[in-house]
Amino acid sequence: MSQVVASNDKPDETEIPALEPADRDRSRLLGARLQELRRMRGLSLKKVAAEVGVSSSFLSMVERGQTDLSLTRFSRLTEFFDVQPSELLMELNATFRPPEFVDLGSFRTIPRGDGVEFYVLQDDNPQMIYVRMAPGSKFSDPRSHRGSDFWFVLEGTPVLHYGSETYRLKTGQTARFSSTLPHGLANPGDAPATLMALCSVPYW
């Protein structure tokens, strides 16, 4: 955290510029990042405002995205928090879509055997797979493909068949392997098994 020598330029209300509609989202995002920095370091508005030479009320408005910052005041804040300006300005001009919510049943499914539910949640970068296996179920055939697989066991004790080897997995365990060797899963236990997988090279 740097000490900033500030001039006496605390604004009154007439100095606070009104924001154009196009600037409001950028100002809210920048203000939220400044607020997060301040709170992570356990600093009060009054403390930061005094160090950078602005009023507490002005800094509060900045954090809420209700006003803009001059280049001079922005530079003082980056110096005080000892961060690069680019870290605070990153993606300020980006347009963000709201979160997307999709029910599991809406995703594409692949037939992989009786009692096996095999969903493709994402097709690439990387391909993402969700699998539910009923007790006693197994993949109908082992497959091999380019790239590598990363599996995470959400529940149950499935078995990974990898080449000529067999590995018992457990809840909370991960398995990473080259997918160029034939591989498949089985659930010989009495309870369901659920897994997630990432495939570095899309196959399905």
Protein backbone atom coordinates (compact mmCIF):
# COMPACT_ATOMS: atom_id res chain seq x y z
CA MET A 1 0.00 0.00 0.00
CA SER A 2 1.56 3.28 -1.09
CA GLN A 3 1.45 6.65 0.65
CA VAL A 4 -0.02 9.28 -1.66
CA VAL A 5 0.64 12.98 -1.31
CA ALA A 6 -2.60 14.66 -2.32
CA SER A 7 -3.44 18.22 -3.13
CA ASN A 8 -6.41 19.93 -1.54
CA ASP A 9 -8.94 19.36 -4.33
CA LYS A 10 -11.82 17.70 -2.52
CA PRO A 11 -14.83 18.47 -4.70
CA ASP A 12 -18.02 20.14 -3.66
CA GLU A 13 -21.29 18.96 -5.23
CA THR A 14 -20.92 21.28 -8.23
CA GLU A 15 -17.66 19.56 -9.21
CA ILE A 16 -19.15 16.08 -9.39
CA PRO A 17 -19.91 15.35 -13.06
CA ALA A 18 -23.16 13.67 -14.07
CA LEU A 19 -22.73 10.37 -15.86
CA GLU A 20 -23.90 9.73 -19.36
CA PRO A 21 -26.07 6.57 -19.63
CA ALA A 22 -23.37 4.77 -21.63
CA ASP A 23 -20.84 5.36 -18.83
CA ARG A 24 -22.94 4.09 -15.94
CA ASP A 25 -22.15 0.38 -16.30
CA ARG A 26 -18.42 1.07 -16.60
CA SER A 27 -18.50 3.30 -13.54
CA ARG A 28 -20.42 0.72 -11.50
CA LEU A 29 -17.91 -1.99 -12.41
CA LEU A 30 -14.90 0.20 -11.59
CA GLY A 31 -16.52 1.34 -8.33
CA ALA A 32 -17.24 -2.25 -7.30
CA ARG A 33 -13.59 -3.19 -7.87
CA LEU A 34 -12.37 -0.24 -5.80
CA GLN A 35 -14.80 -1.12 -3.03
CA GLU A 36 -13.65 -4.74 -3.04
CA LEU A 37 -10.01 -3.66 -2.76
CA ARG A 38 -10.80 -1.39 0.17
CA ARG A 39 -12.83 -4.01 2.05
CA MET A 40 -10.30 -6.78 1.45
CA ARG A 41 -7.69 -4.61 3.15
CA GLY A 42 -9.94 -3.68 6.03
CA LEU A 43 -9.89 0.05 5.28
CA SER A 44 -12.63 2.58 5.96
CA LEU A 45 -13.95 5.03 3.40
CA LYS A 46 -12.66 7.86 5.60
CA LYS A 47 -9.14 6.41 5.69
CA VAL A 48 -8.84 5.92 1.91
CA ALA A 49 -10.45 9.26 1.13
CA ALA A 50 -8.02 11.10 3.41
CA GLU A 51 -5.01 9.34 1.87
CA VAL A 52 -5.93 10.18 -1.72
CA GLY A 53 -7.27 13.67 -1.07
CA VAL A 54 -10.99 13.37 -1.73
CA SER A 55 -14.04 13.54 0.51
CA SER A 56 -15.59 10.40 1.97
CA SER A 57 -18.90 11.23 0.31
CA PHE A 58 -17.23 11.55 -3.09
CA LEU A 59 -15.40 8.24 -2.70
CA SER A 60 -18.65 6.59 -1.64
CA MET A 61 -20.31 7.84 -4.82
CA VAL A 62 -17.39 6.48 -6.87
CA GLU A 63 -17.75 3.04 -5.27
CA ARG A 64 -21.48 3.04 -6.02
CA GLY A 65 -20.84 4.01 -9.64
CA GLN A 66 -22.69 7.31 -9.26
CA THR A 67 -19.91 9.59 -10.48
CA ASP A 68 -16.81 9.56 -12.63
CA LEU A 69 -13.15 9.87 -11.70
CA SER A 70 -10.60 12.27 -13.09
CA LEU A 71 -7.34 10.76 -14.30
CA THR A 72 -5.50 12.38 -11.39
CA ARG A 73 -7.76 10.87 -8.72
CA PHE A 74 -7.79 7.49 -10.45
CA SER A 75 -3.96 7.53 -10.46
CA ARG A 76 -3.89 8.35 -6.74
CA LEU A 77 -6.16 5.39 -5.98
CA THR A 78 -4.05 2.94 -7.98
CA GLU A 79 -0.92 4.22 -6.24
CA PHE A 80 -2.53 3.96 -2.82
CA PHE A 81 -3.75 0.39 -3.41
CA ASP A 82 -0.49 -0.45 -5.25
CA VAL A 83 -2.24 -2.01 -8.25
CA GLN A 84 -1.77 -1.58 -11.99
CA PRO A 85 -4.40 0.64 -13.65
CA SER A 86 -4.99 -2.12 -16.21
CA GLU A 87 -6.18 -4.45 -13.42
CA LEU A 88 -9.00 -2.06 -12.54
CA LEU A 89 -9.86 -1.13 -16.13
CA MET A 90 -9.89 -4.66 -17.51
CA GLU A 91 -13.06 -5.40 -19.51
CA LEU A 92 -14.79 -2.17 -18.51
CA ASN A 93 -16.05 -1.83 -22.08
CA ALA A 94 -17.24 -5.42 -22.29
CA THR A 95 -20.93 -6.26 -22.49
CA PHE A 96 -21.90 -9.02 -20.07
CA ARG A 97 -24.86 -11.28 -20.58
CA PRO A 98 -26.89 -12.35 -17.55
CA PRO A 99 -26.25 -15.86 -16.16
CA GLU A 100 -27.75 -18.69 -18.18
CA PHE A 101 -29.78 -21.37 -16.37
CA VAL A 102 -30.54 -24.65 -18.16
CA ASP A 103 -32.26 -27.77 -16.83
CA LEU A 104 -30.22 -30.98 -17.13
CA GLY A 105 -32.87 -32.61 -19.29
CA SER A 106 -32.38 -29.95 -21.97
CA PHE A 107 -28.85 -31.08 -22.81
CA ARG A 108 -27.87 -33.52 -25.53
CA THR A 109 -27.70 -37.16 -24.43
CA ILE A 110 -25.57 -40.02 -25.76
CA PRO A 111 -26.63 -43.70 -25.47
CA ARG A 112 -23.91 -45.37 -23.37
CA GLY A 113 -25.70 -48.41 -21.95
CA ASP A 114 -28.70 -49.48 -19.91
CA GLY A 115 -28.97 -47.50 -16.68
CA VAL A 116 -26.45 -44.87 -17.88
CA GLU A 117 -27.49 -41.23 -18.31
CA PHE A 118 -24.81 -39.45 -20.34
CA TYR A 119 -25.26 -35.69 -20.92
CA VAL A 120 -23.07 -33.37 -22.99
CA LEU A 121 -23.20 -30.08 -21.08
CA GLN A 122 -20.70 -28.24 -23.28
CA ASP A 123 -19.41 -29.21 -26.69
CA ASP A 124 -15.91 -27.75 -26.67
CA ASN A 125 -13.22 -25.70 -24.89
CA PRO A 126 -13.33 -28.18 -23.13
CA GLN A 127 -16.14 -30.65 -23.75
CA MET A 128 -18.04 -31.17 -20.49
CA ILE A 129 -19.85 -34.41 -19.61
CA TYR A 130 -22.24 -35.31 -16.79
CA VAL A 131 -22.92 -39.02 -16.07
CA ARG A 132 -25.38 -40.76 -13.74
CA MET A 133 -25.08 -44.53 -13.41
CA ALA A 134 -27.67 -46.79 -11.84
CA PRO A 135 -26.44 -49.66 -9.61
CA GLY A 136 -25.12 -52.49 -11.78
CA SER A 137 -24.85 -50.38 -14.95
CA LYS A 138 -21.82 -49.97 -17.20
CA PHE A 139 -20.77 -48.30 -20.44
CA SER A 140 -21.79 -50.47 -23.37
CA ASP A 141 -18.34 -50.31 -24.97
CA PRO A 142 -14.92 -48.79 -24.20
CA ARG A 143 -13.91 -45.84 -26.37
CA SER A 144 -10.62 -44.14 -27.25
CA HIS A 145 -10.07 -40.70 -28.75
CA ARG A 146 -7.54 -37.90 -28.99
CA GLY A 147 -6.59 -35.75 -26.00
CA SER A 148 -7.05 -36.42 -22.30
CA ASP A 149 -9.94 -36.88 -19.86
CA PHE A 150 -10.41 -35.47 -16.37
CA TRP A 151 -13.13 -37.16 -14.30
CA PHE A 152 -14.50 -36.16 -10.91
CA VAL A 153 -16.66 -38.51 -8.83
CA LEU A 154 -19.57 -36.60 -7.29
CA GLU A 155 -21.05 -39.64 -5.56
CA GLY A 156 -20.71 -43.41 -5.46
CA THR A 157 -17.86 -45.86 -6.08
CA PRO A 158 -17.64 -46.41 -9.85
CA VAL A 159 -14.96 -48.47 -11.56
CA LEU A 160 -12.74 -47.11 -14.32
CA HIS A 161 -11.70 -49.63 -16.97
CA TYR A 162 -8.55 -48.26 -18.60
CA GLY A 163 -6.89 -50.48 -21.16
CA SER A 164 -6.38 -53.82 -19.43
CA GLU A 165 -6.45 -52.27 -15.92
CA THR A 166 -9.34 -51.65 -13.52
CA TYR A 167 -9.44 -48.87 -10.91
CA ARG A 168 -12.00 -48.42 -8.13
CA LEU A 169 -12.90 -44.77 -7.62
CA LYS A 170 -14.64 -43.10 -4.68
CA THR A 171 -16.64 -39.97 -3.93
CA GLY A 172 -14.50 -36.82 -4.12
CA GLN A 173 -11.76 -38.51 -6.14
CA THR A 174 -10.48 -37.39 -9.54
CA ALA A 175 -8.98 -39.37 -12.42
CA ARG A 176 -6.89 -37.83 -15.19
CA PHE A 177 -5.64 -39.96 -18.09
CA SER A 178 -4.79 -40.03 -21.78
CA SER A 179 -7.95 -40.84 -23.69
CA THR A 180 -6.03 -42.52 -26.53
CA LEU A 181 -6.31 -45.81 -24.59
CA PRO A 182 -9.74 -47.53 -24.60
CA HIS A 183 -11.62 -46.64 -21.41
CA GLY A 184 -15.05 -46.90 -19.86
CA LEU A 185 -16.95 -46.87 -16.57
CA ALA A 186 -19.00 -49.36 -14.59
CA ASN A 187 -20.98 -49.12 -11.37
CA PRO A 188 -21.03 -52.59 -9.78
CA GLY A 189 -22.12 -51.22 -6.41
CA ASP A 190 -25.59 -51.05 -4.81
CA ALA A 191 -25.80 -47.23 -4.92
CA PRO A 192 -25.97 -44.79 -7.85
CA ALA A 193 -22.80 -43.13 -9.10
CA THR A 194 -22.54 -39.61 -10.49
CA LEU A 195 -19.54 -38.12 -12.28
CA MET A 196 -18.43 -35.03 -14.19
CA ALA A 197 -15.81 -35.10 -16.95
CA LEU A 198 -13.81 -32.65 -19.03
CA CYS A 199 -12.47 -33.82 -22.40
CA SER A 200 -9.60 -31.72 -23.76
CA VAL A 201 -10.52 -32.72 -27.33
CA PRO A 202 -14.26 -32.97 -28.11
CA TYR A 203 -15.34 -36.50 -28.99
CA TRP A 204 -19.14 -36.68 -28.71
